[in-house]
């Protein structure tokens, strides 16, 4: 019995929906209705084209992002290695400077008078 009432309810809903559609269709002009359908179809085509274009661009962007991400990682590692190397070099230079100033204080003072420090180029001091 429950199946029969469900079928009756579905058929009643279908009849009501069909009746409502016929009344609404009778209220609208056929030409206007066709224009609305044409506009909807053209909008649908435009949206499909835009979706395709955006998907293609997204795929392209993804590929380029991966390429540049790898390059960025490589360059970042290179810069970090260069920084470590430069820190080592400047540390050695400071040690040599200290050693020379300790062993030859008079000559070191004379050199500092002749060639004063340039604070613009000296990052560490």
N, C-alpha and C. Protein backbone atom coordinates (compact mmCIF):
# COMPACT_ATOMS: atom_id res chain seq x y z
N UNK A 1 0.80 -1.21 0.00
CA UNK A 1 0.00 0.00 0.00
C UNK A 1 0.85 1.27 0.00
N UNK A 2 1.99 1.32 0.77
CA UNK A 2 2.77 2.54 0.74
C UNK A 2 3.31 2.85 -0.65
N UNK A 3 3.61 1.83 -1.45
CA UNK A 3 4.11 2.06 -2.80
C UNK A 3 3.04 2.70 -3.67
N UNK A 4 1.83 2.28 -3.49
CA UNK A 4 0.74 2.82 -4.30
C UNK A 4 0.51 4.29 -3.97
N UNK A 5 0.59 4.67 -2.71
CA UNK A 5 0.38 6.08 -2.34
C UNK A 5 1.53 6.94 -2.84
N UNK A 6 2.76 6.39 -2.86
CA UNK A 6 3.90 7.13 -3.40
C UNK A 6 3.71 7.37 -4.89
N UNK A 7 3.24 6.37 -5.61
CA UNK A 7 3.00 6.52 -7.05
C UNK A 7 1.90 7.53 -7.31
N UNK A 8 0.85 7.48 -6.51
CA UNK A 8 -0.23 8.45 -6.67
C UNK A 8 0.27 9.86 -6.40
N UNK A 9 1.15 10.00 -5.38
CA UNK A 9 1.69 11.32 -5.03
C UNK A 9 2.57 11.84 -6.15
N UNK A 10 3.41 10.96 -6.73
CA UNK A 10 4.27 11.37 -7.85
C UNK A 10 3.43 11.80 -9.04
N UNK A 11 2.43 11.02 -9.37
CA UNK A 11 1.60 11.38 -10.53
C UNK A 11 0.84 12.68 -10.25
N UNK A 12 0.43 12.90 -9.03
CA UNK A 12 -0.25 14.15 -8.68
C UNK A 12 0.71 15.32 -8.81
N UNK A 13 1.96 15.13 -8.34
CA UNK A 13 2.97 16.18 -8.46
C UNK A 13 3.27 16.47 -9.92
N UNK A 14 3.37 15.45 -10.73
CA UNK A 14 3.64 15.63 -12.16
C UNK A 14 2.51 16.38 -12.83
N UNK A 15 1.29 16.04 -12.50
CA UNK A 15 0.13 16.72 -13.08
C UNK A 15 0.12 18.18 -12.68
N UNK A 16 0.41 18.45 -11.41
CA UNK A 16 0.45 19.85 -10.93
C UNK A 16 1.55 20.63 -11.63
N UNK A 17 2.72 20.02 -11.75
CA UNK A 17 3.84 20.69 -12.41
C UNK A 17 3.52 20.97 -13.86
N UNK A 18 2.96 20.01 -14.55
CA UNK A 18 2.60 20.19 -15.96
C UNK A 18 1.55 21.29 -16.11
N UNK A 19 0.58 21.29 -15.25
CA UNK A 19 -0.48 22.30 -15.30
C UNK A 19 0.11 23.70 -15.07
N UNK A 20 1.02 23.81 -14.09
CA UNK A 20 1.65 25.10 -13.80
C UNK A 20 2.48 25.57 -14.98
N UNK A 21 3.24 24.66 -15.59
CA UNK A 21 4.06 25.03 -16.75
C UNK A 21 3.20 25.50 -17.91
N UNK A 22 2.08 24.83 -18.16
CA UNK A 22 1.19 25.24 -19.26
C UNK A 22 0.63 26.62 -19.01
N UNK A 23 0.26 26.90 -17.75
CA UNK A 23 -0.30 28.22 -17.44
C UNK A 23 0.76 29.30 -17.60
N UNK A 24 2.00 29.01 -17.14
CA UNK A 24 3.08 30.00 -17.27
C UNK A 24 3.44 30.20 -18.73
N UNK A 25 3.45 29.13 -19.50
CA UNK A 25 3.76 29.23 -20.92
C UNK A 25 2.68 30.04 -21.63
N UNK A 26 1.44 29.89 -21.21
CA UNK A 26 0.34 30.66 -21.79
C UNK A 26 0.45 32.14 -21.47
N UNK A 27 1.09 32.48 -20.36
CA UNK A 27 1.25 33.88 -19.97
C UNK A 27 2.34 34.56 -20.78
N UNK A 28 3.30 33.79 -21.31
CA UNK A 28 4.44 34.39 -22.01
C UNK A 28 4.25 34.29 -23.52
N UNK A 29 4.80 35.26 -24.18
CA UNK A 29 4.80 35.30 -25.63
C UNK A 29 5.84 34.29 -26.14
N UNK A 30 5.52 33.55 -27.17
CA UNK A 30 6.41 32.52 -27.72
C UNK A 30 7.72 33.13 -28.21
N UNK A 31 7.67 34.31 -28.82
CA UNK A 31 8.87 34.98 -29.33
C UNK A 31 9.79 35.35 -28.17
N UNK A 32 9.20 35.91 -27.11
CA UNK A 32 10.00 36.27 -25.94
C UNK A 32 10.63 35.04 -25.31
N UNK A 33 9.88 33.98 -25.24
CA UNK A 33 10.38 32.74 -24.67
C UNK A 33 11.56 32.20 -25.49
N UNK A 34 11.45 32.27 -26.81
CA UNK A 34 12.54 31.82 -27.68
C UNK A 34 13.78 32.69 -27.50
N UNK A 35 13.58 34.00 -27.34
CA UNK A 35 14.72 34.91 -27.12
C UNK A 35 15.42 34.57 -25.81
N UNK A 36 14.63 34.28 -24.79
CA UNK A 36 15.22 33.92 -23.49
C UNK A 36 16.04 32.64 -23.63
N UNK A 37 15.51 31.66 -24.33
CA UNK A 37 16.23 30.40 -24.53
C UNK A 37 17.51 30.64 -25.33
N UNK A 38 17.44 31.47 -26.38
CA UNK A 38 18.62 31.78 -27.18
C UNK A 38 19.68 32.48 -26.33
N UNK A 39 19.24 33.45 -25.52
CA UNK A 39 20.18 34.15 -24.64
C UNK A 39 20.83 33.19 -23.65
N UNK A 40 20.04 32.30 -23.10
CA UNK A 40 20.59 31.33 -22.17
C UNK A 40 21.60 30.41 -22.86
N UNK A 41 21.30 30.01 -24.08
CA UNK A 41 22.23 29.15 -24.83
C UNK A 41 23.53 29.89 -25.14
N UNK A 42 23.42 31.16 -25.56
CA UNK A 42 24.64 31.92 -25.87
C UNK A 42 25.46 32.16 -24.60
N UNK A 43 24.79 32.45 -23.50
CA UNK A 43 25.51 32.63 -22.23
C UNK A 43 26.18 31.33 -21.82
N UNK A 44 25.50 30.23 -22.03
CA UNK A 44 26.07 28.92 -21.70
C UNK A 44 27.32 28.65 -22.54
N UNK A 45 27.27 28.98 -23.84
CA UNK A 45 28.43 28.79 -24.71
C UNK A 45 29.60 29.66 -24.25
N UNK A 46 29.29 30.92 -23.90
CA UNK A 46 30.34 31.83 -23.44
C UNK A 46 30.97 31.30 -22.15
N UNK A 47 30.15 30.83 -21.25
CA UNK A 47 30.67 30.29 -19.99
C UNK A 47 31.52 29.05 -20.22
N UNK A 48 31.10 28.19 -21.15
CA UNK A 48 31.91 27.01 -21.47
C UNK A 48 33.26 27.42 -22.05
N UNK A 49 33.26 28.41 -22.96
CA UNK A 49 34.50 28.90 -23.55
C UNK A 49 35.41 29.49 -22.48
N UNK A 50 34.82 30.31 -21.60
CA UNK A 50 35.62 30.92 -20.53
C UNK A 50 36.17 29.86 -19.58
N UNK A 51 35.38 28.87 -19.28
CA UNK A 51 35.84 27.79 -18.41
C UNK A 51 37.02 27.06 -19.05
N UNK A 52 36.90 26.79 -20.34
CA UNK A 52 37.99 26.12 -21.06
C UNK A 52 39.25 26.98 -21.05
N UNK A 53 39.07 28.27 -21.33
CA UNK A 53 40.22 29.19 -21.34
C UNK A 53 40.88 29.26 -19.97
N UNK A 54 40.08 29.39 -18.94
CA UNK A 54 40.63 29.49 -17.59
C UNK A 54 41.31 28.19 -17.16
N UNK A 55 40.76 27.07 -17.56
CA UNK A 55 41.38 25.79 -17.25
C UNK A 55 42.73 25.67 -17.94
N UNK A 56 42.79 26.08 -19.21
CA UNK A 56 44.06 26.05 -19.94
C UNK A 56 45.08 26.97 -19.28
N UNK A 57 44.65 28.16 -18.92
CA UNK A 57 45.56 29.11 -18.28
C UNK A 57 46.02 28.58 -16.92
N UNK A 58 45.12 27.97 -16.19
CA UNK A 58 45.47 27.40 -14.89
C UNK A 58 46.51 26.29 -15.05
N UNK A 59 46.34 25.44 -16.05
CA UNK A 59 47.32 24.37 -16.31
C UNK A 59 48.67 24.97 -16.67
N UNK A 60 48.66 25.98 -17.56
CA UNK A 60 49.89 26.66 -17.96
C UNK A 60 50.57 27.29 -16.73
N UNK A 61 49.79 27.96 -15.91
CA UNK A 61 50.33 28.61 -14.71
C UNK A 61 50.93 27.59 -13.76
N UNK A 62 50.28 26.47 -13.63
CA UNK A 62 50.78 25.41 -12.74
C UNK A 62 52.15 24.92 -13.21
N UNK A 63 52.28 24.70 -14.51
CA UNK A 63 53.55 24.23 -15.08
C UNK A 63 54.65 25.27 -14.85
N UNK A 64 54.34 26.53 -15.17
CA UNK A 64 55.33 27.60 -15.00
C UNK A 64 55.70 27.78 -13.53
N UNK A 65 54.72 27.67 -12.66
CA UNK A 65 55.00 27.80 -11.22
C UNK A 65 55.97 26.73 -10.76
N UNK A 66 55.78 25.51 -11.22
CA UNK A 66 56.69 24.42 -10.84
C UNK A 66 58.10 24.70 -11.36
N UNK A 67 58.19 25.18 -12.61
CA UNK A 67 59.51 25.48 -13.19
C UNK A 67 60.22 26.57 -12.38
N UNK A 68 59.50 27.66 -12.13
CA UNK A 68 60.12 28.78 -11.43
C UNK A 68 60.37 28.46 -9.96
N UNK A 69 59.57 27.61 -9.40
CA UNK A 69 59.78 27.20 -8.01
C UNK A 69 61.09 26.43 -7.90
N UNK A 70 61.35 25.53 -8.85
CA UNK A 70 62.60 24.78 -8.85
C UNK A 70 63.80 25.72 -9.04
N UNK A 71 63.66 26.67 -9.97
CA UNK A 71 64.74 27.63 -10.20
C UNK A 71 64.98 28.48 -8.96
N UNK A 72 63.90 28.90 -8.32
CA UNK A 72 64.03 29.71 -7.12
C UNK A 72 64.75 28.94 -6.02
N UNK A 73 64.40 27.68 -5.85
CA UNK A 73 65.08 26.84 -4.85
C UNK A 73 66.57 26.74 -5.15
N UNK A 74 66.89 26.51 -6.42
CA UNK A 74 68.29 26.39 -6.82
C UNK A 74 69.05 27.68 -6.54
N UNK A 75 68.47 28.81 -6.95
CA UNK A 75 69.13 30.10 -6.74
C UNK A 75 69.23 30.44 -5.25
N UNK A 76 68.22 30.10 -4.49
CA UNK A 76 68.26 30.36 -3.05
C UNK A 76 69.38 29.56 -2.39
N UNK A 77 69.52 28.30 -2.77
CA UNK A 77 70.61 27.48 -2.22
C UNK A 77 71.96 28.07 -2.60
N UNK A 78 72.08 28.52 -3.84
CA UNK A 78 73.34 29.12 -4.31
C UNK A 78 73.67 30.37 -3.49
N UNK A 79 72.68 31.21 -3.27
CA UNK A 79 72.89 32.44 -2.50
C UNK A 79 73.29 32.11 -1.06
N UNK A 80 72.64 31.13 -0.47
CA UNK A 80 72.99 30.73 0.90
C UNK A 80 74.43 30.22 0.97
N UNK A 81 74.83 29.43 -0.03
CA UNK A 81 76.21 28.93 -0.06
C UNK A 81 77.20 30.08 -0.23
N UNK A 82 76.85 31.04 -1.09
CA UNK A 82 77.71 32.20 -1.29
C UNK A 82 77.84 33.00 0.01
N UNK A 83 76.75 33.13 0.73
CA UNK A 83 76.76 33.87 2.00
C UNK A 83 77.70 33.18 2.99
N UNK A 84 77.59 31.86 3.07
CA UNK A 84 78.47 31.10 3.98
C UNK A 84 79.93 31.29 3.58
N UNK A 85 80.20 31.22 2.26
CA UNK A 85 81.56 31.40 1.78
C UNK A 85 82.08 32.80 2.10
N UNK A 86 81.25 33.81 1.89
CA UNK A 86 81.67 35.18 2.17
C UNK A 86 81.89 35.40 3.67
N UNK A 87 81.04 34.82 4.49
CA UNK A 87 81.24 34.93 5.94
C UNK A 87 82.57 34.31 6.34
N UNK A 88 82.91 33.18 5.74
CA UNK A 88 84.18 32.52 6.02
C UNK A 88 85.35 33.41 5.59
N UNK A 89 85.24 33.98 4.40
CA UNK A 89 86.31 34.85 3.87
C UNK A 89 86.50 36.06 4.78
N UNK A 90 85.40 36.72 5.16
CA UNK A 90 85.52 37.90 6.01
C UNK A 90 86.05 37.55 7.41
N UNK A 91 85.69 36.38 7.90
CA UNK A 91 86.21 35.92 9.19
C UNK A 91 87.73 35.76 9.10
N UNK A 92 88.19 35.12 8.02
CA UNK A 92 89.63 34.94 7.82
C UNK A 92 90.33 36.29 7.67
N UNK A 93 89.70 37.22 6.95
CA UNK A 93 90.30 38.55 6.79
C UNK A 93 90.41 39.27 8.13
N UNK A 94 89.38 39.16 8.97
CA UNK A 94 89.44 39.79 10.29
C UNK A 94 90.54 39.16 11.15
N UNK A 95 90.68 37.83 11.05
CA UNK A 95 91.75 37.16 11.80
C UNK A 95 93.13 37.62 11.33
N UNK A 96 93.29 37.71 10.01
CA UNK A 96 94.57 38.19 9.46
C UNK A 96 94.84 39.63 9.89
N UNK A 97 93.81 40.45 9.87
CA UNK A 97 93.93 41.85 10.27
C UNK A 97 94.36 41.94 11.73
N UNK A 98 93.74 41.14 12.58
CA UNK A 98 94.09 41.12 14.00
C UNK A 98 95.52 40.63 14.19
N UNK A 99 95.89 39.60 13.47
CA UNK A 99 97.24 39.04 13.57
C UNK A 99 98.29 40.05 13.13
N UNK A 100 98.03 40.74 12.01
CA UNK A 100 98.98 41.73 11.51
C UNK A 100 99.08 42.91 12.47
N UNK A 101 97.93 43.35 13.00
CA UNK A 101 97.96 44.49 13.92
C UNK A 101 98.67 44.14 15.23
N UNK A 102 98.64 42.87 15.61
CA UNK A 102 99.34 42.44 16.83
C UNK A 102 100.84 42.30 16.57
N UNK A 103 101.22 41.71 15.45
CA UNK A 103 102.64 41.48 15.16
C UNK A 103 103.35 42.76 14.72
N UNK A 104 102.66 43.61 13.97
CA UNK A 104 103.29 44.82 13.44
C UNK A 104 102.41 46.04 13.75
N UNK A 105 102.34 46.44 15.00
CA UNK A 105 101.43 47.53 15.36
C UNK A 105 101.80 48.87 14.72
N UNK A 106 103.08 49.18 14.59
CA UNK A 106 103.49 50.46 14.00
C UNK A 106 103.13 50.52 12.52
N UNK A 107 103.45 49.48 11.81
CA UNK A 107 103.16 49.44 10.37
C UNK A 107 101.65 49.44 10.14
N UNK A 108 100.92 48.73 10.99
CA UNK A 108 99.45 48.67 10.85
C UNK A 108 98.83 50.05 11.07
N UNK A 109 99.33 50.78 12.08
CA UNK A 109 98.82 52.12 12.35
C UNK A 109 99.11 53.05 11.17
N UNK A 110 100.29 52.90 10.59
CA UNK A 110 100.65 53.74 9.43
C UNK A 110 99.74 53.45 8.23
N UNK A 111 99.46 52.20 8.00
CA UNK A 111 98.58 51.81 6.89
C UNK A 111 97.16 52.34 7.13
N UNK A 112 96.70 52.29 8.37
CA UNK A 112 95.35 52.79 8.66
C UNK A 112 95.27 54.30 8.47
N UNK A 113 96.37 55.01 8.72
CA UNK A 113 96.39 56.46 8.48
C UNK A 113 96.32 56.75 6.98
N UNK A 114 97.08 56.00 6.22
CA UNK A 114 97.12 56.21 4.77
C UNK A 114 95.81 55.82 4.09
N UNK A 115 95.25 54.71 4.53
CA UNK A 115 94.02 54.19 3.91
C UNK A 115 92.92 54.08 4.97
N UNK A 116 92.22 55.18 5.20
CA UNK A 116 91.17 55.13 6.23
C UNK A 116 90.02 54.22 5.80
N UNK A 117 89.28 53.74 6.80
CA UNK A 117 88.15 52.84 6.53
C UNK A 117 87.03 53.61 5.84
N UNK A 118 86.37 52.92 4.93
CA UNK A 118 85.18 53.47 4.27
C UNK A 118 83.97 52.75 4.85
N UNK A 119 83.16 53.45 5.64
CA UNK A 119 82.01 52.82 6.29
C UNK A 119 80.91 52.46 5.30
N UNK A 120 80.88 53.11 4.14
CA UNK A 120 79.85 52.81 3.14
C UNK A 120 79.98 51.39 2.61
N UNK A 121 81.21 50.95 2.39
CA UNK A 121 81.44 49.64 1.80
C UNK A 121 81.63 48.54 2.83
N UNK A 122 81.90 48.90 4.06
CA UNK A 122 82.19 47.92 5.09
C UNK A 122 80.90 47.54 5.81
N UNK A 123 80.40 46.38 5.53
CA UNK A 123 79.11 45.94 6.07
C UNK A 123 79.25 45.50 7.52
N UNK A 124 80.34 44.82 7.85
CA UNK A 124 80.49 44.23 9.18
C UNK A 124 80.78 45.25 10.27
N UNK A 125 81.43 46.37 9.94
CA UNK A 125 81.83 47.30 10.99
C UNK A 125 81.00 48.55 10.99
